[in-house]
Each structure stands twice: as C-alpha cells, then as structure tokens.
Amino acid sequence: MNHRTGFNALSRTTAHRRAMLRNMVTSLFRFERITTTKAKAKEARRKAEKLLTRAKVDSVHNRREVAKYIADEKILNKLFTEIAPRMKDRNGGYTRILKLGFREGDAADVVLLELVDYNLDKVEEKKAEAKAKKDAKKADKKEPAKKEAKESK
C-alpha cells in the first residue's frame, strides 16, 4: 500500500527540492502572493504554515528555528512583526491556493499561493506611493539642473 508516503519529491534531488522550497516560502512571505504549479504550491504551503505557526510566538528560540529555513533577515523580521500578528487569532489555514488554469508549454496546473489575509487594495496603494516618491525624486533632480543653468547665464 502507498498510504501517506510523506511528501512529493517533485522529481528533484533533495538539495534542489529544499533550496527551491526555501526560495518559494521566502518569496511567499516577501510578496504575500506567488504564482506556481499546483504540486509545488502544496509542498510550499506545508512549510509556510509550520513556519507561520512558529512565528506567532515571538521568542529567541522560534526566531532561530525559523531562521534555519529563511535566510533573509528582512523577511524573517517581516514574518515575526507584520505577518504573524495578523494571524494571531487564526488556528491554521494561513494560506490559500487559487487555480489559474494550465500552463501553455506543458499544460501544468498553475495556481496562486497567497496568504489568507492578502489585501490587493493595500498593495496597489503601496505601488502608487512608491511611484509618487520616485516621480518626486526625478523632479528634484531636474530642478537643480535648471537652476544651475539659469545662474550660469
């Protein structure tokens, strides 16, 4: 019988699979939403949910255990200070998988893996703020050049 074989090896070596899942989980926490195949999403979800459960209790031990899996300190800090407190009253089920369709080349199931409390409005708001900030910097750079040109005349 083949009950509960444990995990999906995803046709990869152990080192490749571990590195890929670490990168996917880190990206999930960075962007709070990633697009991938169904099989990869299901494996990444298992890891992400365990890390989120640990992050709900902010202790030195939990930070070190999660840091074994997430190498980026900014993402680690974001997980403990922003993401985990939002999930404080939730008992599991921190992620959702939404089907998008099939990939053109190999007809693989493509899905969206996202955190349950993902807010699209907030993301668009941040993008608008970043663009406004960038435009303001460009305007600041252009103004001194114009002033210098007028002064030299």
N, C-alpha and C. Protein backbone atom coordinates (compact mmCIF):
# COMPACT_ATOMS: atom_id res chain seq x y z
N MET A 1 0.83 -1.19 0.00
CA MET A 1 0.00 0.00 0.00
C MET A 1 0.86 1.24 0.00
N ASN A 2 0.31 2.32 -0.50
CA ASN A 2 1.07 3.55 -0.65
C ASN A 2 0.41 4.69 0.13
N HIS A 3 -0.04 4.41 1.34
CA HIS A 3 -0.70 5.44 2.14
C HIS A 3 0.32 6.40 2.73
N ARG A 4 0.03 7.68 2.67
CA ARG A 4 0.85 8.71 3.34
C ARG A 4 2.35 8.52 3.11
N THR A 5 2.79 8.62 1.88
CA THR A 5 4.20 8.43 1.59
C THR A 5 5.06 9.55 2.17
N GLY A 6 4.46 10.63 2.62
CA GLY A 6 5.22 11.66 3.32
C GLY A 6 5.26 12.99 2.61
N PHE A 7 5.81 13.02 1.41
CA PHE A 7 5.92 14.28 0.69
C PHE A 7 6.08 14.00 -0.79
N ASN A 8 5.92 15.04 -1.58
CA ASN A 8 6.09 14.93 -3.02
C ASN A 8 7.52 15.34 -3.34
N ALA A 9 8.30 14.45 -3.94
CA ALA A 9 9.70 14.73 -4.23
C ALA A 9 9.86 15.69 -5.42
N LEU A 10 8.78 15.93 -6.16
CA LEU A 10 8.78 16.90 -7.27
C LEU A 10 9.84 16.61 -8.33
N SER A 11 10.23 15.35 -8.46
CA SER A 11 11.24 14.92 -9.45
C SER A 11 12.54 15.72 -9.34
N ARG A 12 12.98 15.97 -8.12
CA ARG A 12 14.21 16.72 -7.88
C ARG A 12 15.04 16.03 -6.82
N THR A 13 16.32 16.34 -6.82
CA THR A 13 17.17 15.82 -5.76
C THR A 13 16.81 16.52 -4.45
N THR A 14 17.26 15.97 -3.36
CA THR A 14 16.92 16.53 -2.05
C THR A 14 17.40 17.98 -1.92
N ALA A 15 18.64 18.22 -2.31
CA ALA A 15 19.20 19.57 -2.17
C ALA A 15 18.45 20.58 -3.05
N HIS A 16 18.14 20.17 -4.28
CA HIS A 16 17.41 21.07 -5.18
C HIS A 16 16.01 21.35 -4.64
N ARG A 17 15.33 20.33 -4.17
CA ARG A 17 13.97 20.49 -3.64
C ARG A 17 13.97 21.40 -2.42
N ARG A 18 14.91 21.19 -1.50
CA ARG A 18 14.98 22.01 -0.29
C ARG A 18 15.25 23.47 -0.62
N ALA A 19 16.21 23.70 -1.55
CA ALA A 19 16.54 25.07 -1.93
C ALA A 19 15.34 25.74 -2.61
N MET A 20 14.68 25.00 -3.49
CA MET A 20 13.53 25.56 -4.21
C MET A 20 12.41 25.93 -3.24
N LEU A 21 12.10 25.05 -2.31
CA LEU A 21 11.02 25.31 -1.36
C LEU A 21 11.38 26.47 -0.42
N ARG A 22 12.65 26.55 -0.03
CA ARG A 22 13.07 27.68 0.82
C ARG A 22 12.87 28.99 0.07
N ASN A 23 13.26 29.01 -1.21
CA ASN A 23 13.09 30.22 -2.01
C ASN A 23 11.62 30.56 -2.20
N MET A 24 10.79 29.55 -2.43
CA MET A 24 9.36 29.79 -2.63
C MET A 24 8.70 30.34 -1.37
N VAL A 25 9.04 29.76 -0.23
CA VAL A 25 8.44 30.21 1.03
C VAL A 25 8.91 31.63 1.36
N THR A 26 10.19 31.91 1.11
CA THR A 26 10.70 33.26 1.34
C THR A 26 9.98 34.25 0.43
N SER A 27 9.77 33.88 -0.83
CA SER A 27 9.05 34.75 -1.76
C SER A 27 7.60 34.93 -1.34
N LEU A 28 7.00 33.87 -0.83
CA LEU A 28 5.62 33.96 -0.35
C LEU A 28 5.51 35.00 0.77
N PHE A 29 6.44 34.96 1.71
CA PHE A 29 6.41 35.91 2.81
C PHE A 29 6.80 37.31 2.35
N ARG A 30 7.64 37.42 1.33
CA ARG A 30 8.04 38.74 0.82
C ARG A 30 6.90 39.41 0.09
N PHE A 31 6.29 38.69 -0.86
CA PHE A 31 5.25 39.28 -1.71
C PHE A 31 3.83 38.95 -1.26
N GLU A 32 3.69 38.00 -0.36
CA GLU A 32 2.43 37.52 0.20
C GLU A 32 1.53 36.86 -0.85
N ARG A 33 2.07 36.66 -2.05
CA ARG A 33 1.31 36.02 -3.12
C ARG A 33 2.28 35.60 -4.22
N ILE A 34 2.27 34.31 -4.60
CA ILE A 34 3.15 33.85 -5.67
C ILE A 34 2.38 32.94 -6.63
N THR A 35 2.84 32.88 -7.86
CA THR A 35 2.25 32.01 -8.87
C THR A 35 3.20 30.85 -9.12
N THR A 36 2.67 29.64 -9.07
CA THR A 36 3.50 28.45 -9.25
C THR A 36 2.62 27.29 -9.70
N THR A 37 3.20 26.09 -9.78
CA THR A 37 2.40 24.93 -10.14
C THR A 37 1.70 24.38 -8.91
N LYS A 38 0.69 23.58 -9.13
CA LYS A 38 -0.13 23.06 -8.03
C LYS A 38 0.70 22.19 -7.08
N ALA A 39 1.53 21.31 -7.63
CA ALA A 39 2.32 20.41 -6.79
C ALA A 39 3.31 21.18 -5.93
N LYS A 40 3.98 22.16 -6.52
CA LYS A 40 4.95 22.96 -5.76
C LYS A 40 4.23 23.79 -4.69
N ALA A 41 3.08 24.31 -5.03
CA ALA A 41 2.32 25.13 -4.08
C ALA A 41 1.90 24.31 -2.87
N LYS A 42 1.49 23.08 -3.10
CA LYS A 42 1.06 22.24 -1.98
C LYS A 42 2.23 21.93 -1.04
N GLU A 43 3.42 21.72 -1.59
CA GLU A 43 4.59 21.46 -0.75
C GLU A 43 5.04 22.73 -0.03
N ALA A 44 5.04 23.85 -0.75
CA ALA A 44 5.46 25.12 -0.13
C ALA A 44 4.48 25.52 0.97
N ARG A 45 3.22 25.23 0.76
CA ARG A 45 2.19 25.54 1.76
C ARG A 45 2.46 24.82 3.07
N ARG A 46 2.86 23.55 3.00
CA ARG A 46 3.14 22.77 4.21
C ARG A 46 4.23 23.44 5.04
N LYS A 47 5.30 23.86 4.35
CA LYS A 47 6.43 24.51 5.05
C LYS A 47 6.01 25.87 5.59
N ALA A 48 5.33 26.65 4.78
CA ALA A 48 4.95 28.01 5.17
C ALA A 48 4.04 28.00 6.40
N GLU A 49 3.10 27.08 6.43
CA GLU A 49 2.16 27.04 7.56
C GLU A 49 2.88 26.69 8.86
N LYS A 50 3.84 25.78 8.80
CA LYS A 50 4.59 25.43 10.01
C LYS A 50 5.43 26.61 10.49
N LEU A 51 6.04 27.33 9.55
CA LEU A 51 6.84 28.49 9.94
C LEU A 51 5.96 29.60 10.53
N LEU A 52 4.79 29.80 9.96
CA LEU A 52 3.87 30.81 10.48
C LEU A 52 3.39 30.46 11.89
N THR A 53 3.14 29.20 12.12
CA THR A 53 2.72 28.77 13.45
C THR A 53 3.81 29.08 14.47
N ARG A 54 5.06 28.83 14.11
CA ARG A 54 6.18 29.15 14.99
C ARG A 54 6.27 30.65 15.22
N ALA A 55 6.08 31.42 14.15
CA ALA A 55 6.28 32.87 14.23
C ALA A 55 5.22 33.56 15.08
N LYS A 56 4.11 32.90 15.36
CA LYS A 56 3.06 33.52 16.16
C LYS A 56 3.52 33.79 17.59
N VAL A 57 4.50 33.02 18.06
CA VAL A 57 5.09 33.26 19.38
C VAL A 57 6.50 33.77 19.15
N ASP A 58 6.70 35.06 19.39
CA ASP A 58 7.99 35.70 19.10
C ASP A 58 8.96 35.46 20.26
N SER A 59 9.75 34.42 20.15
CA SER A 59 10.78 34.13 21.15
C SER A 59 12.11 33.93 20.42
N VAL A 60 13.19 33.98 21.16
CA VAL A 60 14.51 33.79 20.56
C VAL A 60 14.60 32.41 19.91
N HIS A 61 14.10 31.41 20.61
CA HIS A 61 14.15 30.05 20.08
C HIS A 61 13.39 29.93 18.76
N ASN A 62 12.18 30.47 18.72
CA ASN A 62 11.38 30.39 17.50
C ASN A 62 12.04 31.17 16.36
N ARG A 63 12.61 32.32 16.66
CA ARG A 63 13.30 33.09 15.61
C ARG A 63 14.46 32.29 15.04
N ARG A 64 15.20 31.62 15.90
CA ARG A 64 16.34 30.83 15.41
C ARG A 64 15.89 29.62 14.61
N GLU A 65 14.82 28.98 15.03
CA GLU A 65 14.30 27.83 14.30
C GLU A 65 13.80 28.25 12.91
N VAL A 66 13.10 29.37 12.83
CA VAL A 66 12.60 29.86 11.55
C VAL A 66 13.76 30.36 10.69
N ALA A 67 14.78 30.95 11.33
CA ALA A 67 15.94 31.47 10.59
C ALA A 67 16.74 30.35 9.94
N LYS A 68 16.59 29.13 10.43
CA LYS A 68 17.24 27.99 9.77
C LYS A 68 16.68 27.80 8.38
N TYR A 69 15.43 28.20 8.19
CA TYR A 69 14.74 27.99 6.92
C TYR A 69 14.72 29.25 6.06
N ILE A 70 14.59 30.42 6.69
CA ILE A 70 14.52 31.69 5.96
C ILE A 70 15.81 32.45 6.22
N ALA A 71 16.64 32.60 5.20
CA ALA A 71 17.95 33.21 5.37
C ALA A 71 17.90 34.73 5.37
N ASP A 72 16.94 35.32 4.70
CA ASP A 72 16.85 36.78 4.58
C ASP A 72 16.31 37.40 5.87
N GLU A 73 17.13 38.24 6.50
CA GLU A 73 16.74 38.80 7.80
C GLU A 73 15.55 39.76 7.70
N LYS A 74 15.45 40.49 6.58
CA LYS A 74 14.31 41.41 6.42
C LYS A 74 13.00 40.63 6.37
N ILE A 75 13.01 39.53 5.64
CA ILE A 75 11.80 38.71 5.52
C ILE A 75 11.49 38.05 6.86
N LEU A 76 12.52 37.60 7.55
CA LEU A 76 12.35 36.99 8.87
C LEU A 76 11.69 37.99 9.82
N ASN A 77 12.19 39.23 9.81
CA ASN A 77 11.62 40.27 10.66
C ASN A 77 10.18 40.58 10.27
N LYS A 78 9.92 40.64 8.95
CA LYS A 78 8.57 40.91 8.47
C LYS A 78 7.61 39.80 8.93
N LEU A 79 8.08 38.57 8.89
CA LEU A 79 7.25 37.43 9.30
C LEU A 79 6.85 37.56 10.77
N PHE A 80 7.81 37.90 11.62
CA PHE A 80 7.53 37.97 13.05
C PHE A 80 6.81 39.25 13.47
N THR A 81 7.04 40.36 12.78
CA THR A 81 6.46 41.63 13.22
C THR A 81 5.19 42.03 12.49
N GLU A 82 5.03 41.60 11.22
CA GLU A 82 3.85 42.00 10.45
C GLU A 82 2.89 40.85 10.18
N ILE A 83 3.41 39.77 9.62
CA ILE A 83 2.53 38.69 9.15
C ILE A 83 1.95 37.88 10.30
N ALA A 84 2.81 37.40 11.21
CA ALA A 84 2.34 36.54 12.31
C ALA A 84 1.32 37.23 13.22
N PRO A 85 1.50 38.51 13.59
CA PRO A 85 0.48 39.15 14.43
C PRO A 85 -0.90 39.23 13.75
N ARG A 86 -0.92 39.33 12.41
CA ARG A 86 -2.20 39.35 11.71
C ARG A 86 -2.90 37.99 11.82
N MET A 87 -2.13 36.93 12.01
CA MET A 87 -2.69 35.57 12.06
C MET A 87 -2.88 35.08 13.50
N LYS A 88 -2.73 35.96 14.46
CA LYS A 88 -2.72 35.57 15.87
C LYS A 88 -3.95 34.77 16.29
N ASP A 89 -5.13 35.17 15.84
CA ASP A 89 -6.36 34.52 16.28
C ASP A 89 -6.80 33.39 15.35
N ARG A 90 -5.98 33.07 14.35
CA ARG A 90 -6.32 32.01 13.39
C ARG A 90 -5.58 30.72 13.78
N ASN A 91 -6.31 29.61 13.82
CA ASN A 91 -5.71 28.33 14.20
C ASN A 91 -5.38 27.49 12.96
N GLY A 92 -4.42 27.94 12.19
CA GLY A 92 -4.03 27.20 10.99
C GLY A 92 -4.77 27.73 9.78
N GLY A 93 -4.44 27.19 8.62
CA GLY A 93 -5.08 27.62 7.39
C GLY A 93 -4.68 29.04 7.03
N TYR A 94 -3.36 29.31 7.05
CA TYR A 94 -2.87 30.66 6.81
C TYR A 94 -2.74 30.99 5.33
N THR A 95 -2.77 29.95 4.48
CA THR A 95 -2.58 30.17 3.05
C THR A 95 -3.77 29.62 2.27
N ARG A 96 -3.91 30.08 1.02
CA ARG A 96 -4.94 29.53 0.15
C ARG A 96 -4.33 29.31 -1.22
N ILE A 97 -4.88 28.34 -1.94
CA ILE A 97 -4.44 28.04 -3.29
C ILE A 97 -5.61 28.30 -4.23
N LEU A 98 -5.40 29.20 -5.19
CA LEU A 98 -6.43 29.54 -6.18
C LEU A 98 -5.98 29.07 -7.55
N LYS A 99 -6.81 28.31 -8.24
CA LYS A 99 -6.45 27.78 -9.54
C LYS A 99 -6.52 28.88 -10.60
N LEU A 100 -5.51 28.91 -11.46
CA LEU A 100 -5.47 29.91 -12.54
C LEU A 100 -5.69 29.30 -13.91
N GLY A 101 -5.42 28.02 -14.06
CA GLY A 101 -5.57 27.38 -15.36
C GLY A 101 -4.40 26.47 -15.65
N PHE A 102 -4.05 26.35 -16.92
CA PHE A 102 -2.98 25.46 -17.33
C PHE A 102 -1.89 26.24 -18.04
N ARG A 103 -0.65 25.83 -17.83
CA ARG A 103 0.49 26.48 -18.46
C ARG A 103 0.54 26.10 -19.93
N GLU A 104 0.94 27.04 -20.77
CA GLU A 104 0.93 26.85 -22.21
C GLU A 104 1.84 25.71 -22.66
N GLY A 105 3.07 25.67 -22.19
CA GLY A 105 4.05 24.71 -22.70
C GLY A 105 3.79 23.26 -22.35
N ASP A 106 3.53 22.99 -21.08
CA ASP A 106 3.40 21.60 -20.64
C ASP A 106 2.05 21.28 -20.00
N ALA A 107 1.12 22.19 -20.05
CA ALA A 107 -0.23 22.00 -19.51
C ALA A 107 -0.25 21.68 -18.01
N ALA A 108 0.76 22.20 -17.28
CA ALA A 108 0.79 22.00 -15.83
C ALA A 108 -0.26 22.91 -15.18
N ASP A 109 -0.85 22.43 -14.09
CA ASP A 109 -1.81 23.25 -13.34
C ASP A 109 -1.07 24.44 -12.72
N VAL A 110 -1.49 25.65 -13.05
CA VAL A 110 -0.88 26.85 -12.48
C VAL A 110 -1.84 27.41 -11.43
N VAL A 111 -1.29 27.74 -10.27
CA VAL A 111 -2.11 28.23 -9.17
C VAL A 111 -1.48 29.47 -8.55
N LEU A 112 -2.27 30.14 -7.75
CA LEU A 112 -1.83 31.30 -6.99
C LEU A 112 -1.79 30.87 -5.53
N LEU A 113 -0.62 30.94 -4.92
CA LEU A 113 -0.48 30.63 -3.50
C LEU A 113 -0.37 31.96 -2.77
N GLU A 114 -1.30 32.23 -1.87
CA GLU A 114 -1.29 33.51 -1.17
C GLU A 114 -1.66 33.34 0.29
N LEU A 115 -1.28 34.33 1.09
CA LEU A 115 -1.69 34.36 2.48
C LEU A 115 -3.17 34.71 2.53
N VAL A 116 -3.88 34.15 3.48
CA VAL A 116 -5.33 34.29 3.54
C VAL A 116 -5.76 35.74 3.66
N ASP A 117 -5.02 36.55 4.42
CA ASP A 117 -5.43 37.94 4.63
C ASP A 117 -4.79 38.89 3.62
N TYR A 118 -4.38 38.37 2.48
CA TYR A 118 -3.78 39.19 1.42
C TYR A 118 -4.76 40.26 0.99
N ASN A 119 -4.29 41.52 0.93
CA ASN A 119 -5.17 42.64 0.60
C ASN A 119 -4.66 43.33 -0.67
N LEU A 120 -5.34 43.16 -1.77
CA LEU A 120 -4.93 43.71 -3.05
C LEU A 120 -4.95 45.23 -3.04
N ASP A 121 -5.90 45.85 -2.36
CA ASP A 121 -6.00 47.31 -2.29
C ASP A 121 -4.76 47.91 -1.65
N LYS A 122 -4.28 47.26 -0.59
CA LYS A 122 -3.11 47.75 0.12
C LYS A 122 -1.87 47.70 -0.78
N VAL A 123 -1.76 46.66 -1.58
CA VAL A 123 -0.62 46.51 -2.48
C VAL A 123 -0.64 47.60 -3.54
N GLU A 124 -1.81 47.85 -4.12
CA GLU A 124 -1.92 48.90 -5.13
C GLU A 124 -1.62 50.27 -4.53
N GLU A 125 -2.01 50.48 -3.29
CA GLU A 125 -1.75 51.73 -2.60
C GLU A 125 -0.24 51.92 -2.41
N LYS A 126 0.46 50.85 -2.03
CA LYS A 126 1.91 50.92 -1.85
C LYS A 126 2.61 51.22 -3.18
N LYS A 127 2.13 50.61 -4.26
CA LYS A 127 2.73 50.85 -5.57
C LYS A 127 2.54 52.31 -5.97
N ALA A 128 1.37 52.87 -5.71
CA ALA A 128 1.10 54.26 -6.04
C ALA A 128 2.00 55.20 -5.23
N GLU A 129 2.19 54.90 -3.95
CA GLU A 129 3.08 55.70 -3.10
C GLU A 129 4.51 55.64 -3.62
N ALA A 130 4.96 54.44 -3.99
CA ALA A 130 6.33 54.27 -4.48
C ALA A 130 6.53 55.05 -5.78
N LYS A 131 5.53 55.02 -6.65
CA LYS A 131 5.63 55.75 -7.92
C LYS A 131 5.68 57.25 -7.67
N ALA A 132 4.85 57.74 -6.76
CA ALA A 132 4.83 59.17 -6.44
C ALA A 132 6.18 59.59 -5.86
N LYS A 133 6.74 58.75 -5.02
CA LYS A 133 8.04 59.04 -4.41
C LYS A 133 9.13 59.09 -5.48
N LYS A 134 9.07 58.14 -6.41
CA LYS A 134 10.05 58.08 -7.49
C LYS A 134 9.93 59.31 -8.39
N ASP A 135 8.71 59.71 -8.71
CA ASP A 135 8.48 60.90 -9.53
C ASP A 135 8.99 62.16 -8.83
N ALA A 136 8.81 62.21 -7.52
CA ALA A 136 9.28 63.36 -6.75
C ALA A 136 10.80 63.45 -6.79
N LYS A 137 11.49 62.30 -6.71
CA LYS A 137 12.95 62.29 -6.78
C LYS A 137 13.42 62.77 -8.15
N LYS A 138 12.74 62.32 -9.20
CA LYS A 138 13.11 62.74 -10.55
C LYS A 138 12.94 64.25 -10.70
N ALA A 139 11.85 64.78 -10.15
CA ALA A 139 11.59 66.22 -10.23
C ALA A 139 12.65 67.00 -9.46
N ASP A 140 13.09 66.49 -8.31
CA ASP A 140 14.13 67.14 -7.52
C ASP A 140 15.45 67.18 -8.26
N LYS A 141 15.75 66.12 -8.99
CA LYS A 141 17.00 66.06 -9.74
C LYS A 141 16.98 67.03 -10.92
N LYS A 142 15.84 67.21 -11.54
CA LYS A 142 15.73 68.10 -12.70
C LYS A 142 15.78 69.56 -12.29
N GLU A 143 15.18 69.93 -11.17
CA GLU A 143 15.11 71.32 -10.74
C GLU A 143 16.49 71.94 -10.48
N PRO A 144 17.40 71.27 -9.75
CA PRO A 144 18.72 71.88 -9.53
C PRO A 144 19.48 72.09 -10.83
N ALA A 145 19.30 71.19 -11.78
CA ALA A 145 19.98 71.34 -13.07
C ALA A 145 19.48 72.60 -13.78
N LYS A 146 18.19 72.87 -13.72
CA LYS A 146 17.62 74.06 -14.35
C LYS A 146 18.11 75.32 -13.65
N LYS A 147 18.18 75.30 -12.31
CA LYS A 147 18.64 76.46 -11.54
C LYS A 147 20.09 76.78 -11.86
N GLU A 148 20.91 75.75 -11.96
CA GLU A 148 22.33 75.96 -12.27
C GLU A 148 22.48 76.55 -13.67
N ALA A 149 21.67 76.10 -14.61
CA ALA A 149 21.74 76.60 -15.98
C ALA A 149 21.35 78.09 -16.02
N LYS A 150 20.33 78.48 -15.25
CA LYS A 150 19.90 79.88 -15.21
C LYS A 150 20.97 80.75 -14.54
N GLU A 151 21.62 80.25 -13.48
CA GLU A 151 22.62 81.01 -12.76
C GLU A 151 23.86 81.23 -13.61
N SER A 152 24.21 80.27 -14.44
CA SER A 152 25.42 80.39 -15.26
C SER A 152 25.23 81.39 -16.40
N LYS A 153 24.00 81.67 -16.78
CA LYS A 153 23.72 82.62 -17.88
C LYS A 153 23.87 83.99 -17.44
